[in-house]
Amino acid sequence: MLYPKTKRNIYRIIPFSVIWLVFSIVYTMLEKGILGNLPYYPSTGNPYNYARNIFVTPLSALITGTFLGALEIFYFNKWFVEKSFSKKILYKSLIYLAIILVFLVTSVIASSGAQDFVFGKQGWQNVWVFFTSYSLLSVILYIAAITLVTQFYSEVSENMGLGVLNNFLTGKYHRPTEEERIYMFLDMKSSTTIAESLGHIKYFQMLRDYYADLTEPVIKYSGEIYQYVGDEMVVSWKLKNGLQKNNCIQCFFAMKETIREQAAKYKQKFDLLPSFKAGFHVGKVTTGEIGVIKKDIIFTGDVLNTTARIQGLCNDYQVDVLISGELIKKLDLDSQFRPKALGVNELRGKDEKLELYTILTSQEN
């Protein structure tokens, strides 16, 4: 069974492979339509073999797309994370150009046949003819289109979130859908005091590091970041994903551990260590697309208001985490986590009373 992070990375790389594969098939078919039964390229005189190209070109493109997708996900996103959109495009395009040139050399040699490549100079002569002809420009322009599409996809995916983008593309929530979800409202402690002491610019830089560090546990434990509201993060799980191996609870404590591990960084850069409190609840929501000028996928339902109010009671109970009795009943907590009942509370603006719990870890038992 794949870990959620591994599965997510695979899902992020696959579109790059698919885009390159589709573009290469279209290119090969257009090439066939233009050249017909000619055994050579008129502009270069290099041999043309459709039966070979329809296999070699898509295969080469699939490998190249997968390779570029892996580079994008594992390296480029980290290298250029603080660069502006235009600089990201420029720097990545230069790297892509170098890779594409290698791809073109390989494709031209492959189209000459493996025997020429291994035993003769014909393949390399074909490369020279191709690179000194007008054909090079047309092919580079075509591949540049693929590059722009993949980079655009990458940037949109990073900004919208992979799940949200896929939901838009598949139209999953084009019509409102009712589903049961788990929510965690996570709020930074003493954020107003921290903002006043750091100043707005440095506080924003701290928030960026803080959210970046908290994202890793969300991915690891199958969560979805619904939104950021100032210093508050709203995380959601489909019911099955959140309950599996107590992912929702595991996520919270993994977040605490992550911040502790980064204590030296926060002390050095901001002279403080941020902490947070969280509220959990489960319930039905209606999910769907909304908006005209700017579309978004939103959740509506009483569970969100209730979760926010539960989180707001953490200070009253002097605990870092509060969980509704409804969610506790659905979880299968083991010796690692022990629920501690805190009594029944009548939430502000709510007629019904809600039983609340906190969680003690095995170290606190």
Protein backbone atom coordinates (compact mmCIF):
# COMPACT_ATOMS: atom_id res chain seq x y z
CA MET A 1 0.00 0.00 0.00
CA LEU A 2 1.40 3.39 -1.02
CA TYR A 3 1.87 6.12 1.56
CA PRO A 4 -0.41 9.17 1.01
CA LYS A 5 2.59 11.39 0.22
CA THR A 6 3.93 8.90 -2.37
CA LYS A 7 0.48 8.52 -3.92
CA ARG A 8 0.09 12.31 -4.08
CA ASN A 9 3.47 12.73 -5.79
CA ILE A 10 2.55 10.09 -8.36
CA TYR A 11 -0.76 11.86 -9.05
CA ARG A 12 1.14 15.13 -9.50
CA ILE A 13 3.63 13.62 -11.96
CA ILE A 14 1.11 11.70 -14.09
CA PRO A 15 -0.37 14.83 -15.78
CA PHE A 16 3.10 15.79 -17.07
CA SER A 17 3.49 12.33 -18.62
CA VAL A 18 0.00 12.47 -20.13
CA ILE A 19 0.43 15.99 -21.59
CA TRP A 20 3.72 15.06 -23.27
CA LEU A 21 2.29 11.75 -24.52
CA VAL A 22 -0.82 13.36 -26.03
CA PHE A 23 1.15 16.16 -27.70
CA SER A 24 3.63 13.66 -29.16
CA ILE A 25 0.85 11.49 -30.63
CA VAL A 26 -0.80 14.55 -32.18
CA TYR A 27 2.55 15.67 -33.60
CA THR A 28 3.29 12.23 -35.06
CA MET A 29 -0.15 12.05 -36.71
CA LEU A 30 0.20 15.59 -38.14
CA GLU A 31 3.64 14.64 -39.45
CA LYS A 32 2.15 11.60 -41.19
CA GLY A 33 -0.60 13.71 -42.69
CA ILE A 34 1.92 16.17 -44.12
CA LEU A 35 4.58 13.72 -45.33
CA GLY A 36 2.27 10.92 -46.44
CA ASN A 37 4.32 8.02 -47.84
CA LEU A 38 7.58 9.93 -48.24
CA PRO A 39 10.55 7.93 -46.90
CA TYR A 40 12.44 11.10 -45.88
CA TYR A 41 11.98 14.63 -44.48
CA PRO A 42 12.03 17.09 -47.42
CA SER A 43 13.72 19.88 -45.44
CA THR A 44 16.63 17.77 -44.20
CA GLY A 45 16.70 14.59 -46.24
CA ASN A 46 16.77 12.57 -43.02
CA PRO A 47 14.94 9.21 -43.24
CA TYR A 48 11.27 9.16 -42.21
CA ASN A 49 9.61 5.96 -41.00
CA TYR A 50 6.08 6.38 -39.68
CA ALA A 51 5.88 2.83 -38.31
CA ARG A 52 8.94 3.54 -36.14
CA ASN A 53 7.98 7.12 -35.22
CA ILE A 54 4.50 6.23 -33.99
CA PHE A 55 6.20 4.08 -31.36
CA VAL A 56 9.51 5.86 -30.69
CA THR A 57 8.25 9.46 -30.49
CA PRO A 58 5.40 8.87 -27.97
CA LEU A 59 7.63 6.59 -25.89
CA SER A 60 10.41 9.21 -25.81
CA ALA A 61 7.87 11.92 -24.97
CA LEU A 62 6.35 9.80 -22.19
CA ILE A 63 9.76 9.26 -20.61
CA THR A 64 10.67 12.94 -21.02
CA GLY A 65 7.35 14.11 -19.55
CA THR A 66 7.69 11.78 -16.56
CA PHE A 67 11.26 12.95 -16.00
CA LEU A 68 10.29 16.63 -16.20
CA GLY A 69 7.32 16.01 -13.92
CA ALA A 70 9.61 14.43 -11.33
CA LEU A 71 12.01 17.37 -11.62
CA GLU A 72 9.12 19.80 -11.20
CA ILE A 73 7.69 18.09 -8.13
CA PHE A 74 10.87 17.10 -6.29
CA TYR A 75 13.29 19.90 -7.21
CA PHE A 76 11.93 22.93 -9.10
CA ASN A 77 9.17 23.60 -6.57
CA LYS A 78 11.80 23.80 -3.83
CA TRP A 79 14.48 25.65 -5.80
CA PHE A 80 12.21 28.41 -7.05
CA VAL A 81 9.68 28.60 -4.22
CA GLU A 82 10.62 32.22 -3.40
CA LYS A 83 10.86 33.38 -7.03
CA SER A 84 8.14 35.34 -8.77
CA PHE A 85 5.95 33.62 -11.36
CA SER A 86 7.83 35.23 -14.30
CA LYS A 87 11.24 34.26 -12.93
CA LYS A 88 10.05 30.71 -12.30
CA ILE A 89 8.95 30.45 -15.93
CA LEU A 90 12.25 31.91 -17.21
CA TYR A 91 14.59 29.74 -15.10
CA LYS A 92 12.63 26.56 -15.64
CA SER A 93 12.33 27.23 -19.36
CA LEU A 94 16.12 27.44 -19.67
CA ILE A 95 16.50 24.10 -17.91
CA TYR A 96 13.72 22.61 -20.02
CA LEU A 97 15.45 23.88 -23.19
CA ALA A 98 18.62 21.98 -22.32
CA ILE A 99 16.64 18.81 -21.61
CA ILE A 100 14.60 19.23 -24.79
CA LEU A 101 17.75 19.55 -26.91
CA VAL A 102 18.91 16.20 -25.52
CA PHE A 103 15.45 14.80 -26.26
CA LEU A 104 15.65 16.03 -29.86
CA VAL A 105 19.11 14.57 -30.39
CA THR A 106 17.89 11.22 -29.04
CA SER A 107 14.78 11.29 -31.23
CA VAL A 108 16.70 12.09 -34.42
CA ILE A 109 19.25 9.36 -33.73
CA ALA A 110 16.48 6.87 -32.88
CA SER A 111 14.68 7.70 -36.14
CA SER A 112 17.89 6.74 -37.99
CA GLY A 113 17.85 3.26 -36.44
CA ALA A 114 19.87 1.82 -33.58
CA GLN A 115 22.43 0.22 -35.92
CA ASP A 116 23.48 3.57 -37.38
CA PHE A 117 23.82 4.98 -33.89
CA VAL A 118 25.99 2.18 -32.57
CA PHE A 119 28.13 1.32 -35.58
CA GLY A 120 28.17 4.38 -37.83
CA LYS A 121 28.18 8.13 -38.08
CA GLN A 122 24.93 8.46 -40.01
CA GLY A 123 22.84 9.14 -36.92
CA TRP A 124 25.07 12.01 -35.84
CA GLN A 125 25.17 13.40 -39.37
CA ASN A 126 21.36 13.40 -39.35
CA VAL A 127 21.44 15.30 -36.06
CA TRP A 128 23.71 17.97 -37.61
CA VAL A 129 21.47 18.34 -40.66
CA PHE A 130 18.39 18.65 -38.48
CA PHE A 131 19.93 21.21 -36.12
CA THR A 132 21.05 23.42 -39.02
CA SER A 133 17.66 23.40 -40.77
CA TYR A 134 14.38 25.28 -40.40
CA SER A 135 12.85 22.09 -38.99
CA LEU A 136 14.57 22.73 -35.68
CA LEU A 137 12.65 25.97 -35.16
CA SER A 138 9.27 24.40 -35.91
CA VAL A 139 9.90 21.49 -33.55
CA ILE A 140 11.18 23.74 -30.76
CA LEU A 141 8.10 25.97 -31.10
CA TYR A 142 5.87 22.91 -30.88
CA ILE A 143 7.67 21.57 -27.81
CA ALA A 144 7.63 25.09 -26.30
CA ALA A 145 3.83 24.85 -26.42
CA ILE A 146 4.01 21.60 -24.44
CA THR A 147 6.37 23.23 -21.95
CA LEU A 148 4.05 26.21 -21.43
CA VAL A 149 1.06 23.91 -20.89
CA THR A 150 2.93 21.78 -18.34
CA GLN A 151 4.30 24.83 -16.50
CA PHE A 152 0.89 26.46 -16.46
CA TYR A 153 -0.61 23.25 -15.10
CA SER A 154 2.11 23.06 -12.45
CA GLU A 155 1.62 26.64 -11.24
CA VAL A 156 -2.19 26.42 -11.23
CA SER A 157 -2.03 23.10 -9.42
CA GLU A 158 0.28 24.52 -6.74
CA ASN A 159 -1.88 27.60 -6.23
CA MET A 160 -5.28 25.91 -6.27
CA GLY A 161 -4.26 22.61 -4.74
CA LEU A 162 -4.12 19.32 -6.61
CA GLY A 163 -7.46 18.06 -5.30
CA VAL A 164 -9.32 21.29 -6.10
CA LEU A 165 -7.89 21.46 -9.63
CA ASN A 166 -8.77 17.82 -10.32
CA ASN A 167 -12.27 18.37 -8.99
CA PHE A 168 -12.70 21.32 -11.36
CA LEU A 169 -11.35 19.37 -14.34
CA THR A 170 -13.51 16.31 -13.67
CA GLY A 171 -16.58 18.39 -12.77
CA LYS A 172 -17.02 16.34 -9.60
CA TYR A 173 -18.74 19.17 -7.74
CA HIS A 174 -20.35 20.95 -10.68
CA ARG A 175 -23.62 19.85 -9.13
CA PRO A 176 -23.89 20.19 -5.32
CA THR A 177 -23.00 16.95 -3.55
CA GLU A 178 -23.74 15.94 0.02
CA GLU A 179 -20.95 14.12 1.85
CA GLU A 180 -19.76 13.45 5.37
CA ARG A 181 -16.45 15.00 6.37
CA ILE A 182 -14.19 15.58 9.34
CA TYR A 183 -12.95 19.11 9.98
CA MET A 184 -10.08 20.54 11.98
CA PHE A 185 -9.96 24.27 12.68
CA LEU A 186 -6.40 25.04 13.74
CA ASP A 187 -5.62 28.47 15.19
CA MET A 188 -2.27 29.99 16.20
CA LYS A 189 -2.03 31.00 19.84
CA SER A 190 -1.36 34.66 20.72
CA SER A 191 -1.22 35.62 17.05
CA THR A 192 -2.11 39.28 17.72
CA THR A 193 0.73 39.65 20.21
CA ILE A 194 3.15 37.91 17.83
CA ALA A 195 2.11 40.17 14.93
CA GLU A 196 2.64 43.29 17.04
CA SER A 197 6.10 42.17 18.18
CA LEU A 198 7.34 41.08 14.74
CA GLY A 199 5.73 43.70 12.55
CA HIS A 200 3.50 42.94 9.56
CA ILE A 201 6.21 41.93 7.05
CA LYS A 202 8.13 39.61 9.37
CA TYR A 203 4.88 38.20 10.74
CA PHE A 204 3.82 37.30 7.21
CA GLN A 205 7.20 35.61 6.61
CA MET A 206 6.70 33.64 9.82
CA LEU A 207 3.20 32.61 8.70
CA ARG A 208 4.60 31.38 5.40
CA ASP A 209 7.17 29.17 7.16
CA TYR A 210 4.57 28.04 9.70
CA TYR A 211 2.05 26.95 7.06
CA ALA A 212 4.77 25.29 4.97
CA ASP A 213 5.87 23.20 7.96
CA LEU A 214 2.29 22.22 8.83
CA THR A 215 1.52 21.12 5.29
CA GLU A 216 3.73 18.00 5.40
CA PRO A 217 1.66 16.26 8.14
CA VAL A 218 -1.56 17.16 6.29
CA ILE A 219 -0.26 15.37 3.18
CA LYS A 220 1.10 12.44 5.18
CA TYR A 221 -2.24 11.82 6.89
CA SER A 222 -4.49 12.23 3.82
CA GLY A 223 -5.89 15.63 4.75
CA GLU A 224 -7.01 18.43 2.42
CA ILE A 225 -6.30 22.07 3.21
CA TYR A 226 -9.62 23.81 2.67
CA GLN A 227 -8.52 27.37 3.35
CA TYR A 228 -6.27 29.74 5.26
CA VAL A 229 -7.99 32.51 7.19
CA GLY A 230 -5.31 34.79 8.58
CA ASP A 231 -3.54 32.70 11.21
CA GLU A 232 -6.12 29.91 11.02
CA MET A 233 -5.91 26.78 8.86
CA VAL A 234 -8.96 24.68 8.03
CA VAL A 235 -8.20 21.05 7.21
CA SER A 236 -10.75 18.54 5.94
CA TRP A 237 -10.91 14.77 5.49
CA LYS A 238 -13.37 12.57 3.70
CA LEU A 239 -14.85 10.46 6.49
CA LYS A 240 -13.11 7.24 5.41
CA ASN A 241 -9.69 8.89 5.05
CA GLY A 242 -9.94 10.74 8.35
CA LEU A 243 -10.97 7.70 10.36
CA GLN A 244 -8.45 5.31 8.77
CA LYS A 245 -5.69 4.71 11.33
CA ASN A 246 -6.99 7.80 13.16
CA ASN A 247 -5.45 10.00 10.47
CA CYS A 248 -7.15 13.19 11.63
CA ILE A 249 -5.81 12.86 15.17
CA GLN A 250 -2.41 11.64 13.98
CA CYS A 251 -2.19 14.75 11.82
CA PHE A 252 -2.67 17.12 14.75
CA PHE A 253 0.06 15.53 16.87
CA ALA A 254 2.38 15.24 13.85
CA MET A 255 1.93 18.98 13.36
CA LYS A 256 2.96 19.62 16.97
CA GLU A 257 6.02 17.43 16.53
CA THR A 258 6.97 19.18 13.28
CA ILE A 259 6.90 22.61 14.92
CA ARG A 260 8.97 21.29 17.84
CA GLU A 261 11.55 19.91 15.42
CA GLN A 262 11.78 23.33 13.75
CA ALA A 263 12.19 25.18 17.06
CA ALA A 264 15.77 26.27 16.31
CA LYS A 265 14.73 27.78 12.97
CA TYR A 266 11.89 29.80 14.48
CA LYS A 267 14.04 30.96 17.40
CA GLN A 268 16.80 32.08 15.05
CA LYS A 269 14.60 33.82 12.49
CA PHE A 270 11.77 35.17 14.68
CA ASP A 271 12.90 34.72 18.29
CA LEU A 272 9.77 32.74 19.13
CA LEU A 273 8.15 29.33 18.71
CA PRO A 274 4.56 29.39 17.41
CA SER A 275 2.00 27.07 18.95
CA PHE A 276 -1.61 26.32 18.12
CA LYS A 277 -4.92 24.91 19.31
CA ALA A 278 -7.46 22.94 17.32
CA GLY A 279 -11.09 21.85 17.30
CA PHE A 280 -12.45 18.71 15.59
CA HIS A 281 -15.95 17.78 14.51
CA VAL A 282 -17.66 15.56 11.95
CA GLY A 283 -20.84 15.99 9.98
CA LYS A 284 -22.56 16.33 6.62
CA VAL A 285 -21.80 19.19 4.26
CA THR A 286 -22.93 20.22 0.82
CA THR A 287 -19.98 20.58 -1.54
CA GLY A 288 -20.11 22.41 -4.84
CA GLU A 289 -18.69 25.01 -7.22
CA ILE A 290 -19.65 28.61 -6.61
CA GLY A 291 -18.76 32.01 -8.06
CA VAL A 292 -18.78 33.83 -11.39
CA ILE A 293 -15.68 36.04 -11.70
CA LYS A 294 -13.74 33.71 -9.41
CA LYS A 295 -14.88 30.12 -9.02
CA ASP A 296 -14.20 28.07 -5.93
CA ILE A 297 -15.27 24.76 -4.42
CA ILE A 298 -16.81 25.39 -1.03
CA PHE A 299 -18.38 23.42 1.81
CA THR A 300 -21.57 24.57 3.49
CA GLY A 301 -23.09 23.03 6.58
CA ASP A 302 -23.55 23.45 10.29
CA VAL A 303 -20.49 21.28 10.97
CA LEU A 304 -18.14 24.12 9.97
CA ASN A 305 -19.68 26.64 12.37
CA THR A 306 -19.72 24.04 15.13
CA THR A 307 -16.06 23.12 14.58
CA ALA A 308 -15.07 26.79 14.73
CA ARG A 309 -16.93 27.22 18.04
CA ILE A 310 -15.35 24.04 19.45
CA GLN A 311 -11.90 25.40 18.62
CA GLY A 312 -12.81 28.67 20.30
CA LEU A 313 -13.37 26.83 23.61
CA CYS A 314 -9.80 25.48 23.85
CA ASN A 315 -8.72 28.41 26.02
CA ASP A 316 -11.70 27.94 28.34
CA TYR A 317 -10.75 24.31 28.95
CA GLN A 318 -7.00 25.12 28.87
CA VAL A 319 -6.25 22.38 26.33
CA ASP A 320 -4.65 22.36 22.88
CA VAL A 321 -7.25 20.15 21.25
CA LEU A 322 -11.00 19.68 21.63
CA ILE A 323 -13.00 16.96 19.86
CA SER A 324 -16.73 16.50 19.65
CA GLY A 325 -18.31 13.39 21.15
CA GLU A 326 -19.73 12.53 17.72
CA LEU A 327 -16.24 12.19 16.24
CA ILE A 328 -14.89 10.33 19.28
CA LYS A 329 -17.59 7.68 18.77
CA LYS A 330 -16.48 7.11 15.19
CA LEU A 331 -12.76 6.91 15.93
CA ASP A 332 -11.09 3.65 16.92
CA LEU A 333 -8.60 5.04 19.43
CA ASP A 334 -5.94 2.69 20.74
CA SER A 335 -3.43 2.92 23.56
CA GLN A 336 -1.58 5.68 21.69
CA PHE A 337 -4.46 8.11 22.19
CA ARG A 338 -6.81 8.25 25.16
CA PRO A 339 -9.90 10.47 25.11
CA LYS A 340 -10.59 12.49 28.25
CA ALA A 341 -14.18 13.67 28.75
CA LEU A 342 -14.56 17.36 29.60
CA GLY A 343 -18.31 17.40 30.04
CA VAL A 344 -21.19 18.80 28.03
CA ASN A 345 -21.12 22.32 26.65
CA GLU A 346 -23.88 24.43 25.14
CA LEU A 347 -22.13 26.15 22.24
CA ARG A 348 -22.84 29.81 21.61
CA GLY A 349 -25.71 30.19 19.14
CA LYS A 350 -26.58 26.47 19.33
CA ASP A 351 -29.66 24.98 20.96
CA GLU A 352 -28.24 21.48 21.33
CA LYS A 353 -25.53 20.59 23.80
CA LEU A 354 -22.31 18.94 22.69
CA GLU A 355 -20.10 16.55 24.58
CA LEU A 356 -16.45 17.54 24.35
CA TYR A 357 -13.23 15.58 24.77
CA THR A 358 -9.53 16.23 24.67
CA ILE A 359 -6.87 13.67 23.75
CA LEU A 360 -4.04 12.44 25.93
CA THR A 361 -1.13 10.70 24.24
CA SER A 362 0.59 7.59 25.59
CA GLN A 363 3.30 9.85 27.08
CA GLU A 364 0.65 11.75 29.05
CA ASN A 365 -1.28 8.69 30.26
